[in-house]
C-alpha atoms as a PDB file:
ATOM      1  CA  UNK A   1      92.317 131.037  63.011  1.00  0.00           C
ATOM      2  CA  UNK A   2      93.753 128.215  65.178  1.00  0.00           C
ATOM      3  CA  UNK A   3      95.112 125.348  63.136  1.00  0.00           C
ATOM      4  CA  UNK A   4      93.738 122.297  64.814  1.00  0.00           C
ATOM      5  CA  UNK A   5      96.670 120.249  63.934  1.00  0.00           C
ATOM      6  CA  UNK A   6      99.067 122.377  65.793  1.00  0.00           C
ATOM      7  CA  UNK A   7      97.019 122.176  69.100  1.00  0.00           C
ATOM      8  CA  UNK A   8      98.238 119.109  70.977  1.00  0.00           C
ATOM      9  CA  UNK A   9      95.734 117.376  73.298  1.00  0.00           C
ATOM     10  CA  UNK A  10      96.578 118.047  77.000  1.00  0.00           C
ATOM     11  CA  UNK A  11      96.478 114.882  78.914  1.00  0.00           C
ATOM     12  CA  UNK A  12      94.871 115.061  82.214  1.00  0.00           C
ATOM     13  CA  UNK A  13      97.330 114.260  85.018  1.00  0.00           C
ATOM     14  CA  UNK A  14      96.750 112.882  88.469  1.00  0.00           C
ATOM     15  CA  UNK A  15      98.840 114.146  91.453  1.00  0.00           C
ATOM     16  CA  UNK A  16     101.505 111.605  92.512  1.00  0.00           C
ATOM     17  CA  UNK A  17     100.276 111.670  95.992  1.00  0.00           C
ATOM     18  CA  UNK A  18      96.924 110.125  94.688  1.00  0.00           C
ATOM     19  CA  UNK A  19      98.792 107.346  92.617  1.00  0.00           C
ATOM     20  CA  UNK A  20     101.067 105.944  95.309  1.00  0.00           C
ATOM     21  CA  UNK A  21     101.382 105.392  98.967  1.00  0.00           C
ATOM     22  CA  UNK A  22     104.747 106.803 100.048  1.00  0.00           C
ATOM     23  CA  UNK A  23     104.843 104.684 103.104  1.00  0.00           C
ATOM     24  CA  UNK A  24     104.559 101.410 101.080  1.00  0.00           C
ATOM     25  CA  UNK A  25     107.486 102.622  98.863  1.00  0.00           C
ATOM     26  CA  UNK A  26     109.551 103.571 101.916  1.00  0.00           C
ATOM     27  CA  UNK A  27     108.788 100.013 103.141  1.00  0.00           C
ATOM     28  CA  UNK A  28     110.655  98.586 100.075  1.00  0.00           C
ATOM     29  CA  UNK A  29     113.768  98.960 102.188  1.00  0.00           C
ATOM     30  CA  UNK A  30     112.643  95.937 104.116  1.00  0.00           C
ATOM     31  CA  UNK A  31     112.151  93.922 100.960  1.00  0.00           C
ATOM     32  CA  UNK A  32     115.513  95.056  99.605  1.00  0.00           C
ATOM     33  CA  UNK A  33     117.248  94.353 103.046  1.00  0.00           C
ATOM     34  CA  UNK A  34     115.848  90.870 102.957  1.00  0.00           C
ATOM     35  CA  UNK A  35     117.046  90.114  99.519  1.00  0.00           C
ATOM     36  CA  UNK A  36     120.638  91.582 100.037  1.00  0.00           C
ATOM     37  CA  UNK A  37     121.063  91.059 103.796  1.00  0.00           C
ATOM     38  CA  UNK A  38     122.212  94.578 104.221  1.00  0.00           C
ATOM     39  CA  UNK A  39     120.346  97.632 105.852  1.00  0.00           C
ATOM     40  CA  UNK A  40     118.879 100.069 103.287  1.00  0.00           C
ATOM     41  CA  UNK A  41     117.705 103.727 103.746  1.00  0.00           C
ATOM     42  CA  UNK A  42     115.252 105.559 101.879  1.00  0.00           C
ATOM     43  CA  UNK A  43     114.876 109.333 100.954  1.00  0.00           C
ATOM     44  CA  UNK A  44     111.914 110.948  99.186  1.00  0.00           C
ATOM     45  CA  UNK A  45     112.193 114.170  97.219  1.00  0.00           C
ATOM     46  CA  UNK A  46     108.959 115.635  95.885  1.00  0.00           C
ATOM     47  CA  UNK A  47     108.414 118.389  93.325  1.00  0.00           C
ATOM     48  CA  UNK A  48     104.679 118.832  93.349  1.00  0.00           C
ATOM     49  CA  UNK A  49     104.783 121.686  90.871  1.00  0.00           C
ATOM     50  CA  UNK A  50     106.135 119.196  88.164  1.00  0.00           C
ATOM     51  CA  UNK A  51     104.146 116.271  89.548  1.00  0.00           C
ATOM     52  CA  UNK A  52     107.438 114.228  90.125  1.00  0.00           C
ATOM     53  CA  UNK A  53     108.552 112.393  93.077  1.00  0.00           C
ATOM     54  CA  UNK A  54     112.133 110.730  93.644  1.00  0.00           C
ATOM     55  CA  UNK A  55     112.769 107.849  95.864  1.00  0.00           C
ATOM     56  CA  UNK A  56     116.360 107.065  96.567  1.00  0.00           C
ATOM     57  CA  UNK A  57     117.556 103.788  98.166  1.00  0.00           C
ATOM     58  CA  UNK A  58     120.936 103.316  99.618  1.00  0.00           C
ATOM     59  CA  UNK A  59     122.869 100.570 101.439  1.00  0.00           C
ATOM     60  CA  UNK A  60     126.281 101.567 102.611  1.00  0.00           C
ATOM     61  CA  UNK A  61     128.466 101.995  99.505  1.00  0.00           C
ATOM     62  CA  UNK A  62     127.039  98.705  97.860  1.00  0.00           C
ATOM     63  CA  UNK A  63     123.707  99.814  96.429  1.00  0.00           C
ATOM     64  CA  UNK A  64     122.224 103.001  95.160  1.00  0.00           C
ATOM     65  CA  UNK A  65     118.722 102.982  93.378  1.00  0.00           C
ATOM     66  CA  UNK A  66     116.771 106.082  92.381  1.00  0.00           C
ATOM     67  CA  UNK A  67     113.145 105.794  91.039  1.00  0.00           C
ATOM     68  CA  UNK A  68     111.294 108.800  89.646  1.00  0.00           C
ATOM     69  CA  UNK A  69     107.406 108.647  89.567  1.00  0.00           C
ATOM     70  CA  UNK A  70     106.261 111.150  86.989  1.00  0.00           C
ATOM     71  CA  UNK A  71     102.876 112.193  85.591  1.00  0.00           C
ATOM     72  CA  UNK A  72     103.609 115.185  83.467  1.00  0.00           C
ATOM     73  CA  UNK A  73     101.123 116.807  81.064  1.00  0.00           C
ATOM     74  CA  UNK A  74     103.750 117.146  78.281  1.00  0.00           C
ATOM     75  CA  UNK A  75     104.523 113.402  78.342  1.00  0.00           C
ATOM     76  CA  UNK A  76     102.334 110.957  76.534  1.00  0.00           C
ATOM     77  CA  UNK A  77     101.846 108.745  79.631  1.00  0.00           C
ATOM     78  CA  UNK A  78     102.612 108.564  83.227  1.00  0.00           C
ATOM     79  CA  UNK A  79     105.832 106.601  83.860  1.00  0.00           C
ATOM     80  CA  UNK A  80     108.430 105.552  86.442  1.00  0.00           C
ATOM     81  CA  UNK A  81     112.010 105.955  85.703  1.00  0.00           C
ATOM     82  CA  UNK A  82     115.083 104.145  87.201  1.00  0.00           C
ATOM     83  CA  UNK A  83     117.731 106.758  86.909  1.00  0.00           C
ATOM     84  CA  UNK A  84     120.385 105.008  89.120  1.00  0.00           C
ATOM     85  CA  UNK A  85     120.748 101.273  89.613  1.00  0.00           C
ATOM     86  CA  UNK A  86     124.244 100.695  91.004  1.00  0.00           C
ATOM     87  CA  UNK A  87     125.470  97.533  92.870  1.00  0.00           C
ATOM     88  CA  UNK A  88     128.780  96.439  94.183  1.00  0.00           C
ATOM     89  CA  UNK A  89     130.535  93.676  92.232  1.00  0.00           C
ATOM     90  CA  UNK A  90     129.840  91.295  95.139  1.00  0.00           C
ATOM     91  CA  UNK A  91     126.042  91.782  94.901  1.00  0.00           C
ATOM     92  CA  UNK A  92     126.093  91.639  91.112  1.00  0.00           C
ATOM     93  CA  UNK A  93     127.932  88.359  91.146  1.00  0.00           C
ATOM     94  CA  UNK A  94     125.410  87.019  93.510  1.00  0.00           C
ATOM     95  CA  UNK A  95     122.674  88.191  91.124  1.00  0.00           C
ATOM     96  CA  UNK A  96     120.884  90.384  93.623  1.00  0.00           C
ATOM     97  CA  UNK A  97     120.596  93.245  91.262  1.00  0.00           C
ATOM     98  CA  UNK A  98     118.280  90.928  89.278  1.00  0.00           C
ATOM     99  CA  UNK A  99     116.239  89.893  92.368  1.00  0.00           C
ATOM    100  CA  UNK A 100     115.844  93.655  93.206  1.00  0.00           C
ATOM    101  CA  UNK A 101     114.830  94.673  89.806  1.00  0.00           C
ATOM    102  CA  UNK A 102     112.286  91.829  89.601  1.00  0.00           C
ATOM    103  CA  UNK A 103     111.004  92.973  93.058  1.00  0.00           C
ATOM    104  CA  UNK A 104     110.589  96.639  91.785  1.00  0.00           C
ATOM    105  CA  UNK A 105     108.792  95.365  88.663  1.00  0.00           C
ATOM    106  CA  UNK A 106     106.588  93.161  90.753  1.00  0.00           C
ATOM    107  CA  UNK A 107     105.680  96.021  93.187  1.00  0.00           C
ATOM    108  CA  UNK A 108     104.834  98.577  90.645  1.00  0.00           C
ATOM    109  CA  UNK A 109     102.758  96.589  88.193  1.00  0.00           C
ATOM    110  CA  UNK A 110      99.683  97.538  90.158  1.00  0.00           C
ATOM    111  CA  UNK A 111     100.335 101.293  90.307  1.00  0.00           C
ATOM    112  CA  UNK A 112      98.751 103.742  88.031  1.00  0.00           C
ATOM    113  CA  UNK A 113     101.693 104.153  85.724  1.00  0.00           C
ATOM    114  CA  UNK A 114     102.076 102.938  82.080  1.00  0.00           C
ATOM    115  CA  UNK A 115     105.750 102.605  81.551  1.00  0.00           C
ATOM    116  CA  UNK A 116     108.888 101.739  83.444  1.00  0.00           C
ATOM    117  CA  UNK A 117     112.041 103.554  81.890  1.00  0.00           C
ATOM    118  CA  UNK A 118     115.430 102.159  82.785  1.00  0.00           C
ATOM    119  CA  UNK A 119     118.283 104.651  82.025  1.00  0.00           C
ATOM    120  CA  UNK A 120     121.410 102.662  81.007  1.00  0.00           C
ATOM    121  CA  UNK A 121     124.462 103.974  82.908  1.00  0.00           C
ATOM    122  CA  UNK A 122     126.422 100.750  82.875  1.00  0.00           C
ATOM    123  CA  UNK A 123     126.914  98.216  80.099  1.00  0.00           C
ATOM    124  CA  UNK A 124     125.631  95.244  82.304  1.00  0.00           C
ATOM    125  CA  UNK A 125     122.296  97.055  82.427  1.00  0.00           C
ATOM    126  CA  UNK A 126     121.412  96.233  78.836  1.00  0.00           C
ATOM    127  CA  UNK A 127     121.501  92.467  79.436  1.00  0.00           C
ATOM    128  CA  UNK A 128     119.689  92.872  82.962  1.00  0.00           C
ATOM    129  CA  UNK A 129     116.975  94.850  81.285  1.00  0.00           C
ATOM    130  CA  UNK A 130     116.657  92.264  78.330  1.00  0.00           C
ATOM    131  CA  UNK A 131     116.149  89.444  80.798  1.00  0.00           C
ATOM    132  CA  UNK A 132     113.317  91.259  82.421  1.00  0.00           C
ATOM    133  CA  UNK A 133     111.416  92.021  79.176  1.00  0.00           C
ATOM    134  CA  UNK A 134     112.489  95.731  78.612  1.00  0.00           C
ATOM    135  CA  UNK A 135     112.820  96.750  75.071  1.00  0.00           C
ATOM    136  CA  UNK A 136     115.279  99.326  73.710  1.00  0.00           C
ATOM    137  CA  UNK A 137     114.032 102.867  73.409  1.00  0.00           C
ATOM    138  CA  UNK A 138     117.305 104.465  72.512  1.00  0.00           C
ATOM    139  CA  UNK A 139     121.016 103.814  73.211  1.00  0.00           C
ATOM    140  CA  UNK A 140     120.606 105.299  76.786  1.00  0.00           C
ATOM    141  CA  UNK A 141     117.159 104.046  77.729  1.00  0.00           C
ATOM    142  CA  UNK A 142     115.134 100.733  77.830  1.00  0.00           C
ATOM    143  CA  UNK A 143     111.322 100.457  78.388  1.00  0.00           C
ATOM    144  CA  UNK A 144     108.891  98.143  79.843  1.00  0.00           C
ATOM    145  CA  UNK A 145     105.110  98.492  79.427  1.00  0.00           C
ATOM    146  CA  UNK A 146     103.375  98.058  82.757  1.00  0.00           C
ATOM    147  CA  UNK A 147      99.856  98.086  81.299  1.00  0.00           C
ATOM    148  CA  UNK A 148      98.438  95.956  78.484  1.00  0.00           C
ATOM    149  CA  UNK A 149      97.863  97.782  75.310  1.00  0.00           C
ATOM    150  CA  UNK A 150      94.779  96.734  73.289  1.00  0.00           C
ATOM    151  CA  UNK A 151      94.862  97.748  69.651  1.00  0.00           C
ATOM    152  CA  UNK A 152      91.546  97.842  67.829  1.00  0.00           C
ATOM    153  CA  UNK A 153      91.585  95.819  64.598  1.00  0.00           C
ATOM    154  CA  UNK A 154      88.559  96.532  62.343  1.00  0.00           C
ATOM    155  CA  UNK A 155      86.771  93.405  61.312  1.00  0.00           C
ATOM    156  CA  UNK A 156      85.553  92.926  57.930  1.00  0.00           C
ATOM    157  CA  UNK A 157      82.202  91.335  57.136  1.00  0.00           C
ATOM    158  CA  UNK A 158      82.361  88.369  54.943  1.00  0.00           C
ATOM    159  CA  UNK A 159      79.015  87.829  53.872  1.00  0.00           C
END
């Protein structure tokens, strides 16, 4: 007999290529270039078997950003992860890291993902995330909900 409590519901996933337009994400180099006034490059790494895509943005030795787009059955929700978010001191002092993060958040809000996970690699990331509405997930990650969550509250009849 199968114990129903041991069987986890398998979430239906959607292939990443149906969720995002890779050309638009590659075009973010234009947005990032306008913000920082330096030329960006973009590389895409796909792993369709895991339903995971990675976009890497680089600008000389001054900026490195890696975004993972994931919709994996064993995860409770589809998410985007910022695994690398490195800026030179010159660009951080000009607060261009904040502007880039705000641009990323703005552009991904309409995509079919529920959470944005920011991997904390440097101490200044914590304050940067807090300023942009992220909440602490653990000591190495902060999280931002991209979709509103509605909680059903049962009403009582007061007759």
